[in-house]
Amino acid sequence: MIPLRDDFRGWLRSPRRLLVLLFLILPVASAVAHPHIWVDSRVEVRAAGTSLEAVRAYWTFDPFFSEMILFDYGRPRGEGGAFTAAQVEDIRQGAFENLRHYGFFTVLRVNGERRAVERVENFSTFLDEEESLVYAFDIPLNVSVPPAGVELAVSMYDETFFTDMMFSEPYATVSGDQDLRFTMNRTREVHSIPIWGEMNRETIVFRFRRR
């Protein structure tokens, strides 16, 4: 085992720096890549009237990554055990915003046509009852549901498999004051991934129609 200098050990304790280091070596290690972060995902489609406003995503992280974030940014210091607004913004900038380069690990299709995920809104983070870190954020949709209906497909995965993402129960909900009927189911679809080729990934498929 190669000894590490104390100052380098301290440098590695930052999840931001550790993730940067791992991303730098990722191309070399891609042939033997395996997950280092585990995420349970849930999605909530927010609707109003006959429009689909946004997909609200919830990511629950594994205990190790949760502890790394708490070590780097501190435990929640806000009222009622919540993170302060300043802490949330620090976490967003330091341990989330970079995912914009990867489409926030989200693939959306509306009636079969892929829609790029270039920005998200209303980011928040909190600890759940098991002290696991949760990210929550909105992916804008602004899709009007015509009389013929709309199909919305949502997949969430990291193409490098550095992060392993799976949908967990309850994997999807629909909320809001809406005049829509809908069905939803979890399925698996073949996705073409640059590093690995064709891979079978989980997808939530919603079908909406006007009442």
N, C-alpha and C. Protein backbone atom coordinates (compact mmCIF):
# COMPACT_ATOMS: atom_id res chain seq x y z
N MET A 1 0.85 -1.20 0.00
CA MET A 1 0.00 0.00 0.00
C MET A 1 0.88 1.25 0.00
N ILE A 2 0.58 2.19 -0.86
CA ILE A 2 1.37 3.41 -0.94
C ILE A 2 0.94 4.36 0.16
N PRO A 3 1.88 4.81 1.03
CA PRO A 3 1.49 5.74 2.10
C PRO A 3 1.09 7.08 1.52
N LEU A 4 0.11 7.72 2.17
CA LEU A 4 -0.35 9.03 1.75
C LEU A 4 0.10 10.07 2.74
N ARG A 5 0.58 11.19 2.25
CA ARG A 5 0.92 12.29 3.14
C ARG A 5 -0.35 12.81 3.80
N ASP A 6 -0.20 13.35 5.01
CA ASP A 6 -1.36 13.82 5.75
C ASP A 6 -2.12 14.90 5.00
N ASP A 7 -1.38 15.81 4.32
CA ASP A 7 -2.08 16.87 3.61
C ASP A 7 -2.86 16.33 2.42
N PHE A 8 -2.33 15.25 1.78
CA PHE A 8 -3.05 14.65 0.67
C PHE A 8 -4.28 13.88 1.16
N ARG A 9 -4.16 13.25 2.34
CA ARG A 9 -5.32 12.59 2.93
C ARG A 9 -6.44 13.61 3.16
N GLY A 10 -6.06 14.77 3.69
CA GLY A 10 -7.05 15.82 3.92
C GLY A 10 -7.69 16.28 2.63
N TRP A 11 -6.87 16.41 1.58
CA TRP A 11 -7.39 16.83 0.27
C TRP A 11 -8.42 15.83 -0.24
N LEU A 12 -8.18 14.53 -0.05
CA LEU A 12 -9.08 13.51 -0.55
C LEU A 12 -10.39 13.45 0.22
N ARG A 13 -10.42 14.02 1.43
CA ARG A 13 -11.65 13.93 2.22
C ARG A 13 -12.78 14.76 1.62
N SER A 14 -12.45 15.69 0.75
CA SER A 14 -13.49 16.49 0.09
C SER A 14 -14.13 15.68 -1.02
N PRO A 15 -15.46 15.45 -0.99
CA PRO A 15 -16.09 14.70 -2.07
C PRO A 15 -15.93 15.38 -3.42
N ARG A 16 -15.90 16.71 -3.43
CA ARG A 16 -15.73 17.39 -4.70
C ARG A 16 -14.39 17.03 -5.32
N ARG A 17 -13.33 17.06 -4.49
CA ARG A 17 -11.99 16.77 -5.02
C ARG A 17 -11.85 15.29 -5.35
N LEU A 18 -12.42 14.44 -4.50
CA LEU A 18 -12.34 13.01 -4.75
C LEU A 18 -13.04 12.65 -6.05
N LEU A 19 -14.22 13.23 -6.29
CA LEU A 19 -14.94 12.94 -7.52
C LEU A 19 -14.20 13.46 -8.74
N VAL A 20 -13.57 14.63 -8.60
CA VAL A 20 -12.75 15.15 -9.71
C VAL A 20 -11.63 14.18 -10.03
N LEU A 21 -10.95 13.68 -8.98
CA LEU A 21 -9.85 12.74 -9.18
C LEU A 21 -10.34 11.47 -9.86
N LEU A 22 -11.47 10.95 -9.39
CA LEU A 22 -11.99 9.72 -9.96
C LEU A 22 -12.44 9.92 -11.41
N PHE A 23 -13.04 11.08 -11.72
CA PHE A 23 -13.44 11.34 -13.10
C PHE A 23 -12.22 11.45 -14.00
N LEU A 24 -11.10 11.95 -13.47
CA LEU A 24 -9.89 12.06 -14.27
C LEU A 24 -9.34 10.69 -14.65
N ILE A 25 -9.44 9.73 -13.72
CA ILE A 25 -8.90 8.40 -14.01
C ILE A 25 -9.93 7.50 -14.65
N LEU A 26 -11.17 7.98 -14.78
CA LEU A 26 -12.24 7.14 -15.28
C LEU A 26 -11.97 6.57 -16.67
N PRO A 27 -11.46 7.36 -17.64
CA PRO A 27 -11.23 6.77 -18.96
C PRO A 27 -10.28 5.59 -18.92
N VAL A 28 -9.27 5.63 -18.05
CA VAL A 28 -8.32 4.53 -17.93
C VAL A 28 -8.99 3.32 -17.34
N ALA A 29 -9.90 3.56 -16.39
CA ALA A 29 -10.50 2.47 -15.64
C ALA A 29 -11.80 1.98 -16.24
N SER A 30 -12.24 2.56 -17.37
CA SER A 30 -13.58 2.27 -17.86
C SER A 30 -13.78 0.79 -18.17
N ALA A 31 -12.71 0.10 -18.56
CA ALA A 31 -12.87 -1.31 -18.91
C ALA A 31 -13.24 -2.16 -17.71
N VAL A 32 -12.91 -1.69 -16.52
CA VAL A 32 -13.22 -2.46 -15.31
C VAL A 32 -14.09 -1.64 -14.38
N ALA A 33 -14.86 -0.70 -14.96
CA ALA A 33 -15.64 0.22 -14.15
C ALA A 33 -16.72 -0.52 -13.37
N HIS A 34 -16.97 -0.03 -12.18
CA HIS A 34 -18.08 -0.53 -11.37
C HIS A 34 -18.55 0.62 -10.50
N PRO A 35 -19.78 0.55 -9.98
CA PRO A 35 -20.33 1.70 -9.25
C PRO A 35 -19.55 2.04 -7.99
N HIS A 36 -19.48 3.35 -7.71
CA HIS A 36 -18.92 3.86 -6.46
C HIS A 36 -19.96 4.61 -5.65
N ILE A 37 -21.05 4.99 -6.29
CA ILE A 37 -22.15 5.70 -5.63
C ILE A 37 -23.45 4.99 -6.02
N TRP A 38 -24.33 4.82 -5.03
CA TRP A 38 -25.61 4.14 -5.28
C TRP A 38 -26.76 5.10 -4.99
N VAL A 39 -27.72 5.14 -5.89
CA VAL A 39 -28.84 6.08 -5.78
C VAL A 39 -30.16 5.35 -6.01
N ASP A 40 -31.11 5.54 -5.09
CA ASP A 40 -32.49 5.13 -5.31
C ASP A 40 -33.26 6.33 -5.84
N SER A 41 -33.92 6.16 -6.98
CA SER A 41 -34.60 7.28 -7.64
C SER A 41 -36.11 7.14 -7.56
N ARG A 42 -36.77 8.28 -7.49
CA ARG A 42 -38.23 8.37 -7.62
C ARG A 42 -38.55 9.61 -8.45
N VAL A 43 -39.66 9.58 -9.14
CA VAL A 43 -40.05 10.74 -9.94
C VAL A 43 -41.51 11.09 -9.66
N GLU A 44 -41.80 12.37 -9.74
CA GLU A 44 -43.15 12.90 -9.55
C GLU A 44 -43.45 13.83 -10.72
N VAL A 45 -44.44 13.49 -11.52
CA VAL A 45 -44.85 14.37 -12.61
C VAL A 45 -45.83 15.39 -12.05
N ARG A 46 -45.50 16.66 -12.21
CA ARG A 46 -46.35 17.73 -11.71
C ARG A 46 -47.17 18.29 -12.88
N ALA A 47 -48.48 18.25 -12.71
CA ALA A 47 -49.39 18.66 -13.78
C ALA A 47 -50.30 19.77 -13.30
N ALA A 48 -50.80 20.55 -14.26
CA ALA A 48 -51.77 21.61 -13.97
C ALA A 48 -52.72 21.71 -15.15
N GLY A 49 -54.02 21.54 -14.89
CA GLY A 49 -54.98 21.54 -15.99
C GLY A 49 -54.70 20.41 -16.95
N THR A 50 -54.40 20.75 -18.20
CA THR A 50 -54.06 19.74 -19.20
C THR A 50 -52.59 19.86 -19.63
N SER A 51 -51.76 20.38 -18.73
CA SER A 51 -50.34 20.55 -19.03
C SER A 51 -49.48 19.76 -18.05
N LEU A 52 -48.38 19.23 -18.54
CA LEU A 52 -47.36 18.60 -17.70
C LEU A 52 -46.29 19.65 -17.45
N GLU A 53 -46.19 20.11 -16.22
CA GLU A 53 -45.32 21.23 -15.90
C GLU A 53 -43.86 20.82 -15.72
N ALA A 54 -43.63 19.74 -14.98
CA ALA A 54 -42.25 19.37 -14.64
C ALA A 54 -42.21 17.93 -14.13
N VAL A 55 -41.02 17.37 -14.18
CA VAL A 55 -40.74 16.11 -13.48
C VAL A 55 -39.91 16.45 -12.26
N ARG A 56 -40.42 16.15 -11.09
CA ARG A 56 -39.68 16.35 -9.84
C ARG A 56 -38.95 15.05 -9.54
N ALA A 57 -37.62 15.12 -9.45
CA ALA A 57 -36.80 13.94 -9.19
C ALA A 57 -36.36 13.92 -7.73
N TYR A 58 -36.30 12.72 -7.16
CA TYR A 58 -35.80 12.52 -5.81
C TYR A 58 -34.72 11.43 -5.87
N TRP A 59 -33.52 11.79 -5.45
CA TRP A 59 -32.41 10.84 -5.41
C TRP A 59 -32.00 10.61 -3.96
N THR A 60 -32.04 9.37 -3.52
CA THR A 60 -31.60 9.02 -2.17
C THR A 60 -30.26 8.30 -2.27
N PHE A 61 -29.24 8.84 -1.60
CA PHE A 61 -27.88 8.33 -1.75
C PHE A 61 -27.53 7.28 -0.70
N ASP A 62 -26.51 6.50 -1.02
CA ASP A 62 -26.02 5.48 -0.11
C ASP A 62 -25.36 6.12 1.11
N PRO A 63 -25.21 5.37 2.21
CA PRO A 63 -24.66 5.95 3.45
C PRO A 63 -23.26 6.55 3.29
N PHE A 64 -22.41 5.93 2.48
CA PHE A 64 -21.04 6.42 2.36
C PHE A 64 -21.00 7.79 1.70
N PHE A 65 -21.70 7.93 0.57
CA PHE A 65 -21.71 9.24 -0.09
C PHE A 65 -22.39 10.28 0.79
N SER A 66 -23.45 9.88 1.49
CA SER A 66 -24.13 10.81 2.40
C SER A 66 -23.16 11.34 3.44
N GLU A 67 -22.35 10.45 4.02
CA GLU A 67 -21.38 10.88 5.03
C GLU A 67 -20.31 11.78 4.43
N MET A 68 -19.91 11.51 3.20
CA MET A 68 -18.91 12.37 2.55
C MET A 68 -19.42 13.80 2.41
N ILE A 69 -20.67 13.93 2.00
CA ILE A 69 -21.24 15.27 1.85
C ILE A 69 -21.34 15.96 3.21
N LEU A 70 -21.77 15.23 4.23
CA LEU A 70 -21.88 15.83 5.56
C LEU A 70 -20.51 16.23 6.09
N PHE A 71 -19.49 15.44 5.80
CA PHE A 71 -18.14 15.78 6.24
C PHE A 71 -17.67 17.06 5.57
N ASP A 72 -17.97 17.21 4.30
CA ASP A 72 -17.46 18.35 3.55
C ASP A 72 -18.27 19.63 3.79
N TYR A 73 -19.58 19.49 3.97
CA TYR A 73 -20.44 20.67 4.07
C TYR A 73 -21.07 20.86 5.44
N GLY A 74 -20.86 19.91 6.32
CA GLY A 74 -21.40 20.02 7.66
C GLY A 74 -22.81 19.46 7.78
N ARG A 75 -23.17 19.10 8.99
CA ARG A 75 -24.52 18.63 9.24
C ARG A 75 -25.50 19.79 9.11
N PRO A 76 -26.79 19.50 8.91
CA PRO A 76 -27.78 20.57 8.78
C PRO A 76 -27.75 21.51 9.98
N ARG A 77 -27.72 22.80 9.69
CA ARG A 77 -27.65 23.80 10.75
C ARG A 77 -28.90 24.68 10.80
N GLY A 78 -29.91 24.34 10.02
CA GLY A 78 -31.12 25.15 9.96
C GLY A 78 -32.16 24.72 10.97
N GLU A 79 -33.25 25.43 10.97
CA GLU A 79 -34.35 25.16 11.90
C GLU A 79 -34.98 23.80 11.60
N GLY A 80 -35.25 23.05 12.67
CA GLY A 80 -35.89 21.76 12.52
C GLY A 80 -35.02 20.70 11.89
N GLY A 81 -33.70 20.87 11.96
CA GLY A 81 -32.80 19.87 11.41
C GLY A 81 -32.63 19.94 9.91
N ALA A 82 -32.98 21.07 9.30
CA ALA A 82 -32.83 21.23 7.85
C ALA A 82 -31.50 21.91 7.53
N PHE A 83 -31.04 21.71 6.30
CA PHE A 83 -29.90 22.48 5.83
C PHE A 83 -30.32 23.94 5.68
N THR A 84 -29.40 24.85 5.95
CA THR A 84 -29.67 26.27 5.70
C THR A 84 -29.66 26.52 4.19
N ALA A 85 -30.21 27.67 3.79
CA ALA A 85 -30.20 28.03 2.37
C ALA A 85 -28.78 28.12 1.84
N ALA A 86 -27.86 28.61 2.67
CA ALA A 86 -26.46 28.72 2.25
C ALA A 86 -25.85 27.34 2.05
N GLN A 87 -26.16 26.40 2.95
CA GLN A 87 -25.65 25.04 2.79
C GLN A 87 -26.20 24.39 1.52
N VAL A 88 -27.49 24.56 1.29
CA VAL A 88 -28.10 23.98 0.08
C VAL A 88 -27.42 24.52 -1.17
N GLU A 89 -27.17 25.82 -1.19
CA GLU A 89 -26.53 26.41 -2.36
C GLU A 89 -25.10 25.91 -2.53
N ASP A 90 -24.37 25.77 -1.42
CA ASP A 90 -23.01 25.24 -1.50
C ASP A 90 -23.01 23.82 -2.06
N ILE A 91 -23.93 22.99 -1.59
CA ILE A 91 -24.01 21.61 -2.07
C ILE A 91 -24.41 21.59 -3.54
N ARG A 92 -25.35 22.45 -3.91
CA ARG A 92 -25.78 22.50 -5.32
C ARG A 92 -24.60 22.84 -6.23
N GLN A 93 -23.84 23.87 -5.84
CA GLN A 93 -22.72 24.30 -6.68
C GLN A 93 -21.58 23.29 -6.66
N GLY A 94 -21.30 22.71 -5.49
CA GLY A 94 -20.12 21.87 -5.36
C GLY A 94 -20.32 20.40 -5.65
N ALA A 95 -21.55 19.90 -5.51
CA ALA A 95 -21.75 18.45 -5.61
C ALA A 95 -23.00 18.09 -6.41
N PHE A 96 -23.43 18.99 -7.30
CA PHE A 96 -24.60 18.68 -8.14
C PHE A 96 -24.54 19.36 -9.50
N GLU A 97 -24.24 20.66 -9.52
CA GLU A 97 -24.39 21.45 -10.74
C GLU A 97 -23.56 20.91 -11.90
N ASN A 98 -22.42 20.28 -11.61
CA ASN A 98 -21.58 19.75 -12.68
C ASN A 98 -22.29 18.69 -13.50
N LEU A 99 -23.35 18.10 -12.95
CA LEU A 99 -24.08 17.06 -13.68
C LEU A 99 -24.81 17.62 -14.90
N ARG A 100 -24.85 18.93 -15.04
CA ARG A 100 -25.46 19.50 -16.25
C ARG A 100 -24.71 19.02 -17.50
N HIS A 101 -23.43 18.70 -17.35
CA HIS A 101 -22.65 18.20 -18.48
C HIS A 101 -23.07 16.79 -18.87
N TYR A 102 -23.83 16.13 -18.03
CA TYR A 102 -24.26 14.75 -18.26
C TYR A 102 -25.78 14.64 -18.30
N GLY A 103 -26.45 15.76 -18.61
CA GLY A 103 -27.90 15.74 -18.70
C GLY A 103 -28.58 15.38 -17.40
N PHE A 104 -27.90 15.64 -16.28
CA PHE A 104 -28.42 15.32 -14.95
C PHE A 104 -28.86 13.86 -14.86
N PHE A 105 -28.11 13.00 -15.59
CA PHE A 105 -28.36 11.55 -15.55
C PHE A 105 -29.80 11.20 -15.90
N THR A 106 -30.45 12.02 -16.71
CA THR A 106 -31.86 11.82 -17.01
C THR A 106 -32.10 11.81 -18.52
N VAL A 107 -32.87 10.83 -18.97
CA VAL A 107 -33.29 10.75 -20.37
C VAL A 107 -34.81 10.89 -20.40
N LEU A 108 -35.30 11.90 -21.11
CA LEU A 108 -36.74 12.13 -21.27
C LEU A 108 -37.13 11.94 -22.73
N ARG A 109 -38.27 11.29 -22.93
CA ARG A 109 -38.84 11.20 -24.28
C ARG A 109 -40.32 11.57 -24.20
N VAL A 110 -40.75 12.42 -25.12
CA VAL A 110 -42.16 12.79 -25.24
C VAL A 110 -42.65 12.27 -26.58
N ASN A 111 -43.60 11.33 -26.53
CA ASN A 111 -44.09 10.67 -27.76
C ASN A 111 -42.94 10.12 -28.58
N GLY A 112 -41.97 9.54 -27.88
CA GLY A 112 -40.85 8.89 -28.54
C GLY A 112 -39.70 9.78 -28.93
N GLU A 113 -39.88 11.10 -28.82
CA GLU A 113 -38.83 12.04 -29.21
C GLU A 113 -38.04 12.48 -27.98
N ARG A 114 -36.73 12.29 -28.03
CA ARG A 114 -35.90 12.64 -26.88
C ARG A 114 -35.83 14.15 -26.69
N ARG A 115 -35.89 14.56 -25.41
CA ARG A 115 -35.77 15.97 -25.06
C ARG A 115 -34.54 16.15 -24.19
N ALA A 116 -33.68 17.06 -24.59
CA ALA A 116 -32.45 17.30 -23.84
C ALA A 116 -32.78 17.89 -22.47
N VAL A 117 -32.06 17.42 -21.45
CA VAL A 117 -32.20 17.96 -20.09
C VAL A 117 -31.00 18.85 -19.85
N GLU A 118 -31.18 20.15 -20.05
CA GLU A 118 -30.07 21.09 -19.98
C GLU A 118 -30.07 21.92 -18.71
N ARG A 119 -31.19 21.98 -18.02
CA ARG A 119 -31.25 22.75 -16.78
C ARG A 119 -32.30 22.14 -15.86
N VAL A 120 -32.13 22.40 -14.59
CA VAL A 120 -33.13 21.99 -13.60
C VAL A 120 -33.42 23.19 -12.70
N GLU A 121 -34.48 23.09 -11.93
CA GLU A 121 -34.90 24.19 -11.06
C GLU A 121 -35.22 23.65 -9.66
N ASN A 122 -35.30 24.58 -8.71
CA ASN A 122 -35.79 24.29 -7.36
C ASN A 122 -35.03 23.15 -6.67
N PHE A 123 -33.71 23.19 -6.79
CA PHE A 123 -32.90 22.17 -6.12
C PHE A 123 -33.02 22.30 -4.61
N SER A 124 -33.17 21.18 -3.94
CA SER A 124 -33.12 21.15 -2.48
C SER A 124 -32.46 19.85 -2.05
N THR A 125 -32.04 19.81 -0.80
CA THR A 125 -31.43 18.60 -0.26
C THR A 125 -31.75 18.50 1.21
N PHE A 126 -31.88 17.27 1.69
CA PHE A 126 -32.24 17.04 3.09
C PHE A 126 -31.83 15.63 3.48
N LEU A 127 -31.89 15.35 4.77
CA LEU A 127 -31.65 14.01 5.28
C LEU A 127 -32.98 13.34 5.57
N ASP A 128 -33.15 12.09 5.12
CA ASP A 128 -34.39 11.39 5.43
C ASP A 128 -34.32 10.78 6.82
N GLU A 129 -35.33 10.00 7.18
CA GLU A 129 -35.40 9.45 8.54
C GLU A 129 -34.28 8.46 8.84
N GLU A 130 -33.62 7.96 7.81
CA GLU A 130 -32.49 7.05 8.00
C GLU A 130 -31.15 7.77 7.86
N GLU A 131 -31.17 9.09 7.84
CA GLU A 131 -29.96 9.91 7.73
C GLU A 131 -29.28 9.77 6.37
N SER A 132 -30.04 9.35 5.36
CA SER A 132 -29.52 9.30 4.00
C SER A 132 -29.76 10.64 3.33
N LEU A 133 -28.78 11.07 2.55
CA LEU A 133 -28.90 12.34 1.83
C LEU A 133 -29.85 12.20 0.65
N VAL A 134 -30.73 13.17 0.49
CA VAL A 134 -31.68 13.18 -0.63
C VAL A 134 -31.51 14.48 -1.41
N TYR A 135 -31.40 14.35 -2.74
CA TYR A 135 -31.48 15.50 -3.63
C TYR A 135 -32.89 15.52 -4.23
N ALA A 136 -33.46 16.72 -4.37
CA ALA A 136 -34.74 16.88 -5.05
C ALA A 136 -34.64 18.07 -5.99
N PHE A 137 -35.16 17.93 -7.20
CA PHE A 137 -35.07 19.02 -8.17
C PHE A 137 -36.12 18.82 -9.26
N ASP A 138 -36.47 19.93 -9.92
CA ASP A 138 -37.47 19.91 -10.99
C ASP A 138 -36.80 19.96 -12.36
N ILE A 139 -37.29 19.11 -13.26
CA ILE A 139 -36.89 19.16 -14.66
C ILE A 139 -38.07 19.74 -15.44
N PRO A 140 -37.95 20.97 -15.96
CA PRO A 140 -39.09 21.60 -16.65
C PRO A 140 -39.56 20.78 -17.85
N LEU A 141 -40.88 20.70 -18.02
CA LEU A 141 -41.47 20.00 -19.16
C LEU A 141 -42.26 20.94 -20.06
N ASN A 142 -43.30 21.57 -19.47
CA ASN A 142 -44.17 22.48 -20.22
C ASN A 142 -44.72 21.81 -21.48
N VAL A 143 -45.35 20.65 -21.25
CA VAL A 143 -45.95 19.88 -22.34
C VAL A 143 -47.47 19.95 -22.21
N SER A 144 -48.13 20.42 -23.25
CA SER A 144 -49.59 20.44 -23.29
C SER A 144 -50.09 19.09 -23.79
N VAL A 145 -51.06 18.52 -23.08
CA VAL A 145 -51.60 17.21 -23.45
C VAL A 145 -52.76 17.42 -24.43
N PRO A 146 -52.60 17.01 -25.69
CA PRO A 146 -53.68 17.18 -26.67
C PRO A 146 -54.76 16.12 -26.45
N PRO A 147 -55.90 16.24 -27.14
CA PRO A 147 -56.96 15.24 -26.98
C PRO A 147 -56.49 13.81 -27.27
N ALA A 148 -55.53 13.67 -28.18
CA ALA A 148 -55.04 12.33 -28.52
C ALA A 148 -54.16 11.73 -27.43
N GLY A 149 -53.69 12.57 -26.50
CA GLY A 149 -52.87 12.06 -25.41
C GLY A 149 -51.38 12.24 -25.64
N VAL A 150 -50.62 11.96 -24.59
CA VAL A 150 -49.16 12.09 -24.61
C VAL A 150 -48.54 10.92 -23.86
N GLU A 151 -47.43 10.43 -24.41
CA GLU A 151 -46.63 9.43 -23.69
C GLU A 151 -45.34 10.08 -23.23
N LEU A 152 -45.03 9.95 -21.95
CA LEU A 152 -43.80 10.49 -21.37
C LEU A 152 -43.00 9.34 -20.80
N ALA A 153 -41.75 9.21 -21.23
CA ALA A 153 -40.86 8.16 -20.73
C ALA A 153 -39.69 8.81 -20.00
N VAL A 154 -39.38 8.30 -18.81
CA VAL A 154 -38.31 8.84 -17.97
C VAL A 154 -37.35 7.72 -17.60
N SER A 155 -36.08 7.91 -17.93
CA SER A 155 -35.02 7.00 -17.51
C SER A 155 -33.97 7.80 -16.75
N MET A 156 -33.32 7.17 -15.78
CA MET A 156 -32.25 7.83 -15.02
C MET A 156 -31.10 6.86 -14.85
N TYR A 157 -29.95 7.24 -15.43
CA TYR A 157 -28.76 6.39 -15.28
C TYR A 157 -27.52 7.20 -15.63
N ASP A 158 -26.40 6.72 -15.12
CA ASP A 158 -25.08 7.29 -15.42
C ASP A 158 -24.44 6.41 -16.48
N GLU A 159 -24.13 6.96 -17.63
CA GLU A 159 -23.58 6.17 -18.73
C GLU A 159 -22.26 5.49 -18.38
N THR A 160 -21.52 6.06 -17.42
CA THR A 160 -20.23 5.47 -17.06
C THR A 160 -20.37 4.37 -16.02
N PHE A 161 -21.53 4.27 -15.38
CA PHE A 161 -21.78 3.34 -14.27
C PHE A 161 -20.96 3.67 -13.05
N PHE A 162 -20.35 4.86 -13.01
CA PHE A 162 -19.71 5.30 -11.77
C PHE A 162 -20.77 5.42 -10.68
N THR A 163 -21.96 5.85 -11.07
CA THR A 163 -23.12 5.93 -10.18
C THR A 163 -24.14 4.91 -10.63
N ASP A 164 -24.57 4.05 -9.72
CA ASP A 164 -25.59 3.06 -10.02
C ASP A 164 -26.94 3.63 -9.58
N MET A 165 -27.89 3.70 -10.50
CA MET A 165 -29.19 4.30 -10.21
C MET A 165 -30.30 3.31 -10.53
N MET A 166 -31.21 3.14 -9.56
CA MET A 166 -32.36 2.27 -9.73
C MET A 166 -33.60 2.97 -9.21
N PHE A 167 -34.73 2.74 -9.86
CA PHE A 167 -35.99 3.27 -9.35
C PHE A 167 -36.44 2.41 -8.16
N SER A 168 -36.90 3.08 -7.11
CA SER A 168 -37.34 2.37 -5.90
C SER A 168 -38.78 2.75 -5.59
N GLU A 169 -39.48 1.86 -4.92
CA GLU A 169 -40.88 2.11 -4.55
C GLU A 169 -40.99 3.22 -3.51
N PRO A 170 -42.01 4.06 -3.63
CA PRO A 170 -42.91 4.21 -4.78
C PRO A 170 -42.20 4.95 -5.90
N TYR A 171 -42.00 4.29 -7.01
CA TYR A 171 -41.09 4.82 -8.03
C TYR A 171 -41.64 6.04 -8.77
N ALA A 172 -42.98 6.23 -8.79
CA ALA A 172 -43.52 7.36 -9.54
C ALA A 172 -44.88 7.77 -9.00
N THR A 173 -45.15 9.07 -9.06
CA THR A 173 -46.45 9.62 -8.70
C THR A 173 -46.78 10.75 -9.67
N VAL A 174 -48.05 11.15 -9.67
CA VAL A 174 -48.50 12.31 -10.43
C VAL A 174 -49.24 13.22 -9.46
N SER A 175 -48.90 14.50 -9.47
CA SER A 175 -49.50 15.44 -8.51
C SER A 175 -50.01 16.68 -9.23
N GLY A 176 -50.78 17.47 -8.49
CA GLY A 176 -51.26 18.74 -9.03
C GLY A 176 -52.74 18.70 -9.36
N ASP A 177 -53.30 19.88 -9.56
CA ASP A 177 -54.70 20.03 -9.97
C ASP A 177 -54.77 19.84 -11.47
N GLN A 178 -55.18 18.67 -11.92
CA GLN A 178 -55.14 18.43 -13.35
C GLN A 178 -56.43 17.77 -13.82
N ASP A 179 -56.66 17.94 -15.12
CA ASP A 179 -57.83 17.36 -15.79
C ASP A 179 -57.37 16.23 -16.71
N LEU A 180 -56.61 15.31 -16.12
CA LEU A 180 -55.99 14.25 -16.91
C LEU A 180 -56.26 12.88 -16.30
N ARG A 181 -56.34 11.90 -17.18
CA ARG A 181 -56.30 10.50 -16.77
C ARG A 181 -54.92 9.97 -17.15
N PHE A 182 -54.41 9.02 -16.39
CA PHE A 182 -53.07 8.54 -16.70
C PHE A 182 -52.89 7.09 -16.26
N THR A 183 -51.94 6.45 -16.91
CA THR A 183 -51.42 5.15 -16.47
C THR A 183 -49.91 5.28 -16.39
N MET A 184 -49.28 4.43 -15.61
CA MET A 184 -47.81 4.43 -15.54
C MET A 184 -47.33 3.03 -15.23
N ASN A 185 -46.18 2.69 -15.76
CA ASN A 185 -45.58 1.40 -15.44
C ASN A 185 -44.07 1.48 -15.57
N ARG A 186 -43.41 0.61 -14.84
CA ARG A 186 -41.95 0.53 -14.89
C ARG A 186 -41.57 -0.62 -15.81
N THR A 187 -40.70 -0.33 -16.76
CA THR A 187 -40.30 -1.33 -17.72
C THR A 187 -38.80 -1.25 -17.94
N ARG A 188 -38.29 -2.06 -18.81
CA ARG A 188 -36.87 -2.00 -19.17
C ARG A 188 -36.77 -1.82 -20.67
N GLU A 189 -35.85 -0.94 -21.08
CA GLU A 189 -35.67 -0.64 -22.50
C GLU A 189 -34.19 -0.70 -22.85
N VAL A 190 -33.92 -0.94 -24.11
CA VAL A 190 -32.54 -0.94 -24.59
C VAL A 190 -32.14 0.49 -24.93
N HIS A 191 -31.06 0.96 -24.30
CA HIS A 191 -30.51 2.28 -24.58
C HIS A 191 -29.11 2.11 -25.17
N SER A 192 -28.79 2.93 -26.15
CA SER A 192 -27.46 2.92 -26.74
C SER A 192 -26.55 3.84 -25.93
N ILE A 193 -25.54 3.25 -25.28
CA ILE A 193 -24.64 3.99 -24.40
C ILE A 193 -23.25 3.99 -25.03
N PRO A 194 -22.65 5.18 -25.24
CA PRO A 194 -21.38 5.26 -25.98
C PRO A 194 -20.29 4.32 -25.47
N ILE A 195 -20.12 4.23 -24.15
CA ILE A 195 -19.02 3.43 -23.61
C ILE A 195 -19.27 1.94 -23.77
N TRP A 196 -20.54 1.53 -23.57
CA TRP A 196 -20.84 0.10 -23.45
C TRP A 196 -21.65 -0.47 -24.61
N GLY A 197 -22.20 0.38 -25.47
CA GLY A 197 -23.07 -0.12 -26.52
C GLY A 197 -24.51 -0.19 -26.03
N GLU A 198 -25.25 -1.20 -26.47
CA GLU A 198 -26.65 -1.33 -26.08
C GLU A 198 -26.76 -1.94 -24.69
N MET A 199 -27.51 -1.25 -23.81
CA MET A 199 -27.70 -1.70 -22.43
C MET A 199 -29.18 -1.63 -22.08
N ASN A 200 -29.60 -2.55 -21.22
CA ASN A 200 -30.98 -2.60 -20.76
C ASN A 200 -31.14 -1.75 -19.51
N ARG A 201 -31.95 -0.69 -19.58
CA ARG A 201 -32.09 0.23 -18.46
C ARG A 201 -33.56 0.41 -18.08
N GLU A 202 -33.79 0.73 -16.80
CA GLU A 202 -35.16 0.94 -16.32
C GLU A 202 -35.75 2.23 -16.90
N THR A 203 -37.03 2.18 -17.19
CA THR A 203 -37.75 3.34 -17.71
C THR A 203 -39.15 3.37 -17.10
N ILE A 204 -39.58 4.57 -16.69
CA ILE A 204 -40.96 4.77 -16.25
C ILE A 204 -41.73 5.37 -17.42
N VAL A 205 -42.81 4.72 -17.82
CA VAL A 205 -43.61 5.19 -18.95
C VAL A 205 -44.97 5.65 -18.44
N PHE A 206 -45.27 6.93 -18.68
CA PHE A 206 -46.57 7.53 -18.33
C PHE A 206 -47.36 7.73 -19.62
N ARG A 207 -48.65 7.49 -19.55
CA ARG A 207 -49.55 7.82 -20.67
C ARG A 207 -50.68 8.69 -20.13
N PHE A 208 -50.78 9.89 -20.68
CA PHE A 208 -51.76 10.87 -20.22
C PHE A 208 -52.81 11.13 -21.30
N ARG A 209 -54.05 11.27 -20.87
CA ARG A 209 -55.14 11.68 -21.75
C ARG A 209 -56.01 12.69 -21.01
N ARG A 210 -56.67 13.54 -21.76
CA ARG A 210 -57.60 14.47 -21.13
C ARG A 210 -58.83 13.72 -20.61
N ARG A 211 -59.39 14.23 -19.54
CA ARG A 211 -60.62 13.64 -19.00
C ARG A 211 -61.79 13.89 -19.95
